[in-house]
């Protein structure tokens, strides 16, 4: 049997989905709080989340966990994510 993913037909099928937009979400941490406390927050308020520095962050595509990664800082001073682990399919 041949593997259709390496055939020209398989390549065409894969190429046809490469332009479909998806939503990528990186979760840095979570925090539950009462609405009243959230409403009272102002400029400069700090919200402490459940992650510590150096812990992996979750990477979701269309609300499905696909990987974990580490937060990086680019030369331009932007945040970036380095994927360190691909999530299992189960």
PDB file of N, CA and C in Angstrom:
ATOM      1  N   UNK A   1       0.834  -1.196   0.000  1.00  0.00           N
ATOM      2  CA  UNK A   1       0.000   0.000   0.000  1.00  0.00           C
ATOM      3  C   UNK A   1       0.863   1.238   0.000  1.00  0.00           C
ATOM      4  N   UNK A   2       0.406   2.240  -0.679  1.00  0.00           N
ATOM      5  CA  UNK A   2       1.157   3.496  -0.700  1.00  0.00           C
ATOM      6  C   UNK A   2       0.536   4.475   0.276  1.00  0.00           C
ATOM      7  N   UNK A   3       1.329   5.395   0.727  1.00  0.00           N
ATOM      8  CA  UNK A   3       0.883   6.428   1.660  1.00  0.00           C
ATOM      9  C   UNK A   3       0.393   7.620   0.851  1.00  0.00           C
ATOM     10  N   UNK A   4      -0.928   7.892   0.902  1.00  0.00           N
ATOM     11  CA  UNK A   4      -1.482   8.964   0.073  1.00  0.00           C
ATOM     12  C   UNK A   4      -1.008  10.342   0.502  1.00  0.00           C
ATOM     13  N   UNK A   5      -0.497  10.481   1.747  1.00  0.00           N
ATOM     14  CA  UNK A   5      -0.051  11.801   2.194  1.00  0.00           C
ATOM     15  C   UNK A   5       1.208  12.249   1.466  1.00  0.00           C
ATOM     16  N   UNK A   6       1.957  11.314   0.867  1.00  0.00           N
ATOM     17  CA  UNK A   6       3.160  11.700   0.138  1.00  0.00           C
ATOM     18  C   UNK A   6       2.920  11.748  -1.360  1.00  0.00           C
ATOM     19  N   UNK A   7       1.721  11.430  -1.793  1.00  0.00           N
ATOM     20  CA  UNK A   7       1.417  11.479  -3.222  1.00  0.00           C
ATOM     21  C   UNK A   7       1.002  12.884  -3.625  1.00  0.00           C
ATOM     22  N   UNK A   8       1.049  13.182  -4.921  1.00  0.00           N
ATOM     23  CA  UNK A   8       0.597  14.506  -5.371  1.00  0.00           C
ATOM     24  C   UNK A   8      -0.846  14.791  -4.981  1.00  0.00           C
ATOM     25  N   UNK A   9      -1.698  13.771  -4.997  1.00  0.00           N
ATOM     26  CA  UNK A   9      -3.095  13.983  -4.616  1.00  0.00           C
ATOM     27  C   UNK A   9      -3.177  14.332  -3.129  1.00  0.00           C
ATOM     28  N   UNK A  10      -2.423  13.624  -2.285  1.00  0.00           N
ATOM     29  CA  UNK A  10      -2.384  13.930  -0.854  1.00  0.00           C
ATOM     30  C   UNK A  10      -1.843  15.317  -0.600  1.00  0.00           C
ATOM     31  N   UNK A  11      -0.804  15.712  -1.360  1.00  0.00           N
ATOM     32  CA  UNK A  11      -0.239  17.054  -1.213  1.00  0.00           C
ATOM     33  C   UNK A  11      -1.261  18.113  -1.597  1.00  0.00           C
ATOM     34  N   UNK A  12      -2.037  17.867  -2.645  1.00  0.00           N
ATOM     35  CA  UNK A  12      -3.072  18.813  -3.065  1.00  0.00           C
ATOM     36  C   UNK A  12      -4.136  18.969  -1.984  1.00  0.00           C
ATOM     37  N   UNK A  13      -4.523  17.859  -1.374  1.00  0.00           N
ATOM     38  CA  UNK A  13      -5.537  17.927  -0.311  1.00  0.00           C
ATOM     39  C   UNK A  13      -5.012  18.715   0.879  1.00  0.00           C
ATOM     40  N   UNK A  14      -3.777  18.481   1.244  1.00  0.00           N
ATOM     41  CA  UNK A  14      -3.183  19.207   2.359  1.00  0.00           C
ATOM     42  C   UNK A  14      -3.059  20.697   2.026  1.00  0.00           C
ATOM     43  N   UNK A  15      -2.620  21.010   0.825  1.00  0.00           N
ATOM     44  CA  UNK A  15      -2.470  22.409   0.411  1.00  0.00           C
ATOM     45  C   UNK A  15      -3.812  23.133   0.420  1.00  0.00           C
ATOM     46  N   UNK A  16      -4.890  22.409   0.136  1.00  0.00           N
ATOM     47  CA  UNK A  16      -6.202  23.053   0.063  1.00  0.00           C
ATOM     48  C   UNK A  16      -6.699  23.526   1.422  1.00  0.00           C
ATOM     49  N   UNK A  17      -6.169  22.978   2.508  1.00  0.00           N
ATOM     50  CA  UNK A  17      -6.611  23.415   3.836  1.00  0.00           C
ATOM     51  C   UNK A  17      -5.635  24.376   4.504  1.00  0.00           C
ATOM     52  N   UNK A  18      -4.496  24.600   3.912  1.00  0.00           N
ATOM     53  CA  UNK A  18      -3.471  25.437   4.542  1.00  0.00           C
ATOM     54  C   UNK A  18      -3.862  26.904   4.671  1.00  0.00           C
ATOM     55  N   UNK A  19      -4.836  27.376   3.910  1.00  0.00           N
ATOM     56  CA  UNK A  19      -5.266  28.771   3.989  1.00  0.00           C
ATOM     57  C   UNK A  19      -6.492  28.968   4.877  1.00  0.00           C
ATOM     58  N   UNK A  20      -6.978  27.904   5.514  1.00  0.00           N
ATOM     59  CA  UNK A  20      -8.140  28.027   6.389  1.00  0.00           C
ATOM     60  C   UNK A  20      -7.703  28.720   7.682  1.00  0.00           C
ATOM     61  N   UNK A  21      -8.361  29.828   8.026  1.00  0.00           N
ATOM     62  CA  UNK A  21      -7.975  30.537   9.257  1.00  0.00           C
ATOM     63  C   UNK A  21      -8.389  29.752  10.502  1.00  0.00           C
ATOM     64  N   UNK A  22      -7.544  29.775  11.507  1.00  0.00           N
ATOM     65  CA  UNK A  22      -7.826  29.162  12.799  1.00  0.00           C
ATOM     66  C   UNK A  22      -7.524  30.186  13.887  1.00  0.00           C
ATOM     67  N   UNK A  23      -8.074  29.963  15.063  1.00  0.00           N
ATOM     68  CA  UNK A  23      -7.804  30.832  16.195  1.00  0.00           C
ATOM     69  C   UNK A  23      -6.787  30.146  17.103  1.00  0.00           C
ATOM     70  N   UNK A  24      -5.667  30.799  17.311  1.00  0.00           N
ATOM     71  CA  UNK A  24      -4.610  30.291  18.180  1.00  0.00           C
ATOM     72  C   UNK A  24      -4.681  31.055  19.496  1.00  0.00           C
ATOM     73  N   UNK A  25      -4.767  30.324  20.602  1.00  0.00           N
ATOM     74  CA  UNK A  25      -4.854  30.927  21.924  1.00  0.00           C
ATOM     75  C   UNK A  25      -3.761  30.345  22.801  1.00  0.00           C
ATOM     76  N   UNK A  26      -3.032  31.202  23.496  1.00  0.00           N
ATOM     77  CA  UNK A  26      -2.017  30.760  24.442  1.00  0.00           C
ATOM     78  C   UNK A  26      -2.493  31.187  25.827  1.00  0.00           C
ATOM     79  N   UNK A  27      -2.638  30.213  26.714  1.00  0.00           N
ATOM     80  CA  UNK A  27      -3.128  30.489  28.058  1.00  0.00           C
ATOM     81  C   UNK A  27      -1.936  30.624  28.998  1.00  0.00           C
ATOM     82  N   UNK A  28      -1.737  31.838  29.482  1.00  0.00           N
ATOM     83  CA  UNK A  28      -0.636  32.113  30.408  1.00  0.00           C
ATOM     84  C   UNK A  28      -0.980  31.709  31.829  1.00  0.00           C
ATOM     85  N   UNK A  29      -2.258  31.614  32.137  1.00  0.00           N
ATOM     86  CA  UNK A  29      -2.704  31.230  33.470  1.00  0.00           C
ATOM     87  C   UNK A  29      -4.173  31.575  33.641  1.00  0.00           C
ATOM     88  N   UNK A  30      -4.728  31.159  34.749  1.00  0.00           N
ATOM     89  CA  UNK A  30      -6.143  31.411  35.029  1.00  0.00           C
ATOM     90  C   UNK A  30      -6.310  31.926  36.447  1.00  0.00           C
ATOM     91  N   UNK A  31      -7.417  32.618  36.671  1.00  0.00           N
ATOM     92  CA  UNK A  31      -7.747  33.130  38.001  1.00  0.00           C
ATOM     93  C   UNK A  31      -9.262  33.234  38.101  1.00  0.00           C
ATOM     94  N   UNK A  32      -9.831  32.687  39.165  1.00  0.00           N
ATOM     95  CA  UNK A  32     -11.261  32.856  39.417  1.00  0.00           C
ATOM     96  C   UNK A  32     -11.409  33.916  40.492  1.00  0.00           C
ATOM     97  N   UNK A  33     -12.347  34.835  40.271  1.00  0.00           N
ATOM     98  CA  UNK A  33     -12.603  35.884  41.254  1.00  0.00           C
ATOM     99  C   UNK A  33     -14.040  36.338  41.118  1.00  0.00           C
ATOM    100  N   UNK A  34     -14.590  36.875  42.202  1.00  0.00           N
ATOM    101  CA  UNK A  34     -15.959  37.390  42.137  1.00  0.00           C
ATOM    102  C   UNK A  34     -16.042  38.588  41.183  1.00  0.00           C
ATOM    103  N   UNK A  35     -17.162  38.746  40.554  1.00  0.00           N
ATOM    104  CA  UNK A  35     -17.370  39.838  39.613  1.00  0.00           C
ATOM    105  C   UNK A  35     -17.119  41.188  40.267  1.00  0.00           C
ATOM    106  N   UNK A  36     -17.507  41.334  41.525  1.00  0.00           N
ATOM    107  CA  UNK A  36     -17.294  42.596  42.234  1.00  0.00           C
ATOM    108  C   UNK A  36     -15.819  42.961  42.340  1.00  0.00           C
ATOM    109  N   UNK A  37     -14.971  41.962  42.586  1.00  0.00           N
ATOM    110  CA  UNK A  37     -13.536  42.215  42.672  1.00  0.00           C
ATOM    111  C   UNK A  37     -12.975  42.576  41.298  1.00  0.00           C
ATOM    112  N   UNK A  38     -13.458  41.898  40.271  1.00  0.00           N
ATOM    113  CA  UNK A  38     -13.030  42.212  38.909  1.00  0.00           C
ATOM    114  C   UNK A  38     -13.430  43.633  38.535  1.00  0.00           C
ATOM    115  N   UNK A  39     -14.641  44.009  38.894  1.00  0.00           N
ATOM    116  CA  UNK A  39     -15.151  45.344  38.595  1.00  0.00           C
ATOM    117  C   UNK A  39     -14.342  46.429  39.298  1.00  0.00           C
ATOM    118  N   UNK A  40     -13.799  46.093  40.487  1.00  0.00           N
ATOM    119  CA  UNK A  40     -13.045  47.074  41.278  1.00  0.00           C
ATOM    120  C   UNK A  40     -11.614  47.274  40.780  1.00  0.00           C
ATOM    121  N   UNK A  41     -11.152  46.427  39.870  1.00  0.00           N
ATOM    122  CA  UNK A  41      -9.788  46.565  39.357  1.00  0.00           C
ATOM    123  C   UNK A  41      -9.647  47.843  38.540  1.00  0.00           C
ATOM    124  N   UNK A  42      -8.509  48.419  38.602  1.00  0.00           N
ATOM    125  CA  UNK A  42      -8.248  49.631  37.831  1.00  0.00           C
ATOM    126  C   UNK A  42      -6.892  49.554  37.165  1.00  0.00           C
ATOM    127  N   UNK A  43      -6.533  50.636  36.514  1.00  0.00           N
ATOM    128  CA  UNK A  43      -5.236  50.712  35.834  1.00  0.00           C
ATOM    129  C   UNK A  43      -4.116  50.433  36.839  1.00  0.00           C
ATOM    130  N   UNK A  44      -3.216  49.545  36.478  1.00  0.00           N
ATOM    131  CA  UNK A  44      -2.104  49.199  37.344  1.00  0.00           C
ATOM    132  C   UNK A  44      -2.391  48.050  38.294  1.00  0.00           C
ATOM    133  N   UNK A  45      -3.634  47.566  38.313  1.00  0.00           N
ATOM    134  CA  UNK A  45      -3.965  46.432  39.174  1.00  0.00           C
ATOM    135  C   UNK A  45      -3.213  45.195  38.696  1.00  0.00           C
ATOM    136  N   UNK A  46      -2.856  44.352  39.623  1.00  0.00           N
ATOM    137  CA  UNK A  46      -2.153  43.114  39.297  1.00  0.00           C
ATOM    138  C   UNK A  46      -3.082  41.949  39.583  1.00  0.00           C
ATOM    139  N   UNK A  47      -3.207  41.059  38.611  1.00  0.00           N
ATOM    140  CA  UNK A  47      -4.002  39.847  38.770  1.00  0.00           C
ATOM    141  C   UNK A  47      -3.023  38.677  38.773  1.00  0.00           C
ATOM    142  N   UNK A  48      -2.933  38.016  39.900  1.00  0.00           N
ATOM    143  CA  UNK A  48      -2.035  36.871  40.031  1.00  0.00           C
ATOM    144  C   UNK A  48      -2.745  35.630  39.492  1.00  0.00           C
ATOM    145  N   UNK A  49      -2.093  34.923  38.564  1.00  0.00           N
ATOM    146  CA  UNK A  49      -2.676  33.721  37.972  1.00  0.00           C
ATOM    147  C   UNK A  49      -2.050  32.480  38.586  1.00  0.00           C
ATOM    148  N   UNK A  50      -2.542  31.318  38.197  1.00  0.00           N
ATOM    149  CA  UNK A  50      -2.127  30.055  38.812  1.00  0.00           C
ATOM    150  C   UNK A  50      -0.836  29.464  38.248  1.00  0.00           C
ATOM    151  N   UNK A  51      -0.148  30.161  37.375  1.00  0.00           N
ATOM    152  CA  UNK A  51       1.112  29.666  36.802  1.00  0.00           C
ATOM    153  C   UNK A  51       2.287  30.390  37.443  1.00  0.00           C
ATOM    154  N   UNK A  52       3.417  29.682  37.481  1.00  0.00           N
ATOM    155  CA  UNK A  52       4.652  30.284  37.958  1.00  0.00           C
ATOM    156  C   UNK A  52       5.574  30.518  36.776  1.00  0.00           C
ATOM    157  N   UNK A  53       6.507  31.412  36.938  1.00  0.00           N
ATOM    158  CA  UNK A  53       7.497  31.681  35.901  1.00  0.00           C
ATOM    159  C   UNK A  53       8.220  30.375  35.578  1.00  0.00           C
ATOM    160  N   UNK A  54       8.330  30.074  34.299  1.00  0.00           N
ATOM    161  CA  UNK A  54       9.018  28.871  33.864  1.00  0.00           C
ATOM    162  C   UNK A  54       8.116  27.676  33.636  1.00  0.00           C
ATOM    163  N   UNK A  55       6.877  27.730  34.119  1.00  0.00           N
ATOM    164  CA  UNK A  55       5.940  26.636  33.863  1.00  0.00           C
ATOM    165  C   UNK A  55       5.467  26.711  32.418  1.00  0.00           C
ATOM    166  N   UNK A  56       5.195  25.555  31.806  1.00  0.00           N
ATOM    167  CA  UNK A  56       4.721  25.580  30.421  1.00  0.00           C
ATOM    168  C   UNK A  56       3.342  26.218  30.308  1.00  0.00           C
ATOM    169  N   UNK A  57       3.107  26.869  29.188  1.00  0.00           N
ATOM    170  CA  UNK A  57       1.804  27.457  28.884  1.00  0.00           C
ATOM    171  C   UNK A  57       1.100  26.543  27.888  1.00  0.00           C
ATOM    172  N   UNK A  58      -0.227  26.587  27.860  1.00  0.00           N
ATOM    173  CA  UNK A  58      -1.001  25.760  26.947  1.00  0.00           C
ATOM    174  C   UNK A  58      -1.277  26.517  25.654  1.00  0.00           C
ATOM    175  N   UNK A  59      -1.194  25.792  24.543  1.00  0.00           N
ATOM    176  CA  UNK A  59      -1.452  26.363  23.221  1.00  0.00           C
ATOM    177  C   UNK A  59      -2.678  25.653  22.655  1.00  0.00           C
ATOM    178  N   UNK A  60      -3.713  26.422  22.370  1.00  0.00           N
ATOM    179  CA  UNK A  60      -4.959  25.885  21.838  1.00  0.00           C
ATOM    180  C   UNK A  60      -5.157  26.363  20.406  1.00  0.00           C
ATOM    181  N   UNK A  61      -5.714  25.507  19.562  1.00  0.00           N
ATOM    182  CA  UNK A  61      -6.153  25.890  18.228  1.00  0.00           C
ATOM    183  C   UNK A  61      -7.642  25.582  18.167  1.00  0.00           C
ATOM    184  N   UNK A  62      -8.436  26.607  17.910  1.00  0.00           N
ATOM    185  CA  UNK A  62      -9.900  26.477  17.906  1.00  0.00           C
ATOM    186  C   UNK A  62     -10.386  25.761  19.166  1.00  0.00           C
ATOM    187  N   UNK A  63      -9.928  26.207  20.318  1.00  0.00           N
ATOM    188  CA  UNK A  63     -10.328  25.701  21.637  1.00  0.00           C
ATOM    189  C   UNK A  63      -9.917  24.256  21.903  1.00  0.00           C
ATOM    190  N   UNK A  64      -8.983  23.733  21.146  1.00  0.00           N
ATOM    191  CA  UNK A  64      -8.489  22.363  21.364  1.00  0.00           C
ATOM    192  C   UNK A  64      -7.000  22.418  21.700  1.00  0.00           C
ATOM    193  N   UNK A  65      -6.619  21.798  22.824  1.00  0.00           N
ATOM    194  CA  UNK A  65      -5.223  21.790  23.240  1.00  0.00           C
ATOM    195  C   UNK A  65      -4.391  21.042  22.206  1.00  0.00           C
ATOM    196  N   UNK A  66      -3.381  21.701  21.642  1.00  0.00           N
ATOM    197  CA  UNK A  66      -2.526  21.065  20.638  1.00  0.00           C
ATOM    198  C   UNK A  66      -1.074  20.970  21.082  1.00  0.00           C
ATOM    199  N   UNK A  67      -0.662  21.838  22.019  1.00  0.00           N
ATOM    200  CA  UNK A  67       0.750  21.830  22.416  1.00  0.00           C
ATOM    201  C   UNK A  67       0.936  22.598  23.714  1.00  0.00           C
ATOM    202  N   UNK A  68       2.149  22.493  24.232  1.00  0.00           N
ATOM    203  CA  UNK A  68       2.577  23.303  25.370  1.00  0.00           C
ATOM    204  C   UNK A  68       3.875  23.990  24.967  1.00  0.00           C
ATOM    205  N   UNK A  69       4.175  25.084  25.621  1.00  0.00           N
ATOM    206  CA  UNK A  69       5.379  25.798  25.241  1.00  0.00           C
ATOM    207  C   UNK A  69       5.886  26.708  26.335  1.00  0.00           C
ATOM    208  N   UNK A  70       6.969  27.401  26.011  1.00  0.00           N
ATOM    209  CA  UNK A  70       7.603  28.338  26.931  1.00  0.00           C
ATOM    210  C   UNK A  70       7.507  29.740  26.378  1.00  0.00           C
ATOM    211  N   UNK A  71       7.300  30.694  27.263  1.00  0.00           N
ATOM    212  CA  UNK A  71       7.241  32.099  26.864  1.00  0.00           C
ATOM    213  C   UNK A  71       8.673  32.576  26.594  1.00  0.00           C
ATOM    214  N   UNK A  72       8.855  33.252  25.475  1.00  0.00           N
ATOM    215  CA  UNK A  72      10.155  33.803  25.085  1.00  0.00           C
ATOM    216  C   UNK A  72       9.990  35.300  24.836  1.00  0.00           C
ATOM    217  N   UNK A  73      11.079  36.012  24.792  1.00  0.00           N
ATOM    218  CA  UNK A  73      11.080  37.434  24.464  1.00  0.00           C
ATOM    219  C   UNK A  73      11.892  37.612  23.190  1.00  0.00           C
ATOM    220  N   UNK A  74      11.293  38.244  22.166  1.00  0.00           N
ATOM    221  CA  UNK A  74      11.999  38.447  20.909  1.00  0.00           C
ATOM    222  C   UNK A  74      12.951  39.634  21.016  1.00  0.00           C
ATOM    223  N   UNK A  75      13.799  39.785  20.019  1.00  0.00           N
ATOM    224  CA  UNK A  75      14.738  40.918  19.986  1.00  0.00           C
ATOM    225  C   UNK A  75      14.005  42.250  19.937  1.00  0.00           C
ATOM    226  N   UNK A  76      12.779  42.242  19.389  1.00  0.00           N
ATOM    227  CA  UNK A  76      11.989  43.468  19.298  1.00  0.00           C
ATOM    228  C   UNK A  76      11.198  43.741  20.581  1.00  0.00           C
ATOM    229  N   UNK A  77      11.366  42.881  21.585  1.00  0.00           N
ATOM    230  CA  UNK A  77      10.663  43.075  22.840  1.00  0.00           C
ATOM    231  C   UNK A  77       9.259  42.515  22.864  1.00  0.00           C
ATOM    232  N   UNK A  78       8.910  41.670  21.904  1.00  0.00           N
ATOM    233  CA  UNK A  78       7.581  41.056  21.863  1.00  0.00           C
ATOM    234  C   UNK A  78       7.628  39.688  22.531  1.00  0.00           C
ATOM    235  N   UNK A  79       6.476  39.272  23.059  1.00  0.00           N
ATOM    236  CA  UNK A  79       6.372  37.932  23.609  1.00  0.00           C
ATOM    237  C   UNK A  79       6.193  36.941  22.478  1.00  0.00           C
ATOM    238  N   UNK A  80       6.774  35.765  22.627  1.00  0.00           N
ATOM    239  CA  UNK A  80       6.640  34.684  21.659  1.00  0.00           C
ATOM    240  C   UNK A  80       6.558  33.380  22.441  1.00  0.00           C
ATOM    241  N   UNK A  81       6.105  32.338  21.793  1.00  0.00           N
ATOM    242  CA  UNK A  81       5.986  31.038  22.435  1.00  0.00           C
ATOM    243  C   UNK A  81       6.837  30.032  21.674  1.00  0.00           C
ATOM    244  N   UNK A  82       7.676  29.336  22.395  1.00  0.00           N
ATOM    245  CA  UNK A  82       8.475  28.256  21.838  1.00  0.00           C
ATOM    246  C   UNK A  82       7.782  26.945  22.180  1.00  0.00           C
ATOM    247  N   UNK A  83       7.295  26.222  21.165  1.00  0.00           N
ATOM    248  CA  UNK A  83       6.602  24.958  21.412  1.00  0.00           C
ATOM    249  C   UNK A  83       7.601  23.924  21.909  1.00  0.00           C
ATOM    250  N   UNK A  84       7.266  23.302  23.043  1.00  0.00           N
ATOM    251  CA  UNK A  84       8.158  22.311  23.640  1.00  0.00           C
ATOM    252  C   UNK A  84       7.563  20.913  23.634  1.00  0.00           C
ATOM    253  N   UNK A  85       6.244  20.824  23.472  1.00  0.00           N
ATOM    254  CA  UNK A  85       5.583  19.522  23.542  1.00  0.00           C
ATOM    255  C   UNK A  85       4.304  19.560  22.706  1.00  0.00           C
ATOM    256  N   UNK A  86       4.106  18.544  21.889  1.00  0.00           N
ATOM    257  CA  UNK A  86       2.864  18.402  21.138  1.00  0.00           C
ATOM    258  C   UNK A  86       1.920  17.560  21.995  1.00  0.00           C
ATOM    259  N   UNK A  87       0.683  18.024  22.144  1.00  0.00           N
ATOM    260  CA  UNK A  87      -0.289  17.306  22.973  1.00  0.00           C
ATOM    261  C   UNK A  87      -0.678  15.995  22.304  1.00  0.00           C
ATOM    262  N   UNK A  88      -0.965  15.004  23.112  1.00  0.00           N
ATOM    263  CA  UNK A  88      -1.381  13.715  22.558  1.00  0.00           C
ATOM    264  C   UNK A  88      -2.785  13.825  21.999  1.00  0.00           C
ATOM    265  N   UNK A  89      -3.125  12.936  21.088  1.00  0.00           N
ATOM    266  CA  UNK A  89      -4.423  12.978  20.416  1.00  0.00           C
ATOM    267  C   UNK A  89      -5.560  12.523  21.321  1.00  0.00           C
ATOM    268  N   UNK A  90      -5.259  11.846  22.412  1.00  0.00           N
ATOM    269  CA  UNK A  90      -6.341  11.320  23.279  1.00  0.00           C
ATOM    270  C   UNK A  90      -6.932  12.366  24.163  1.00  0.00           C
TER     271      UNK A  90
END
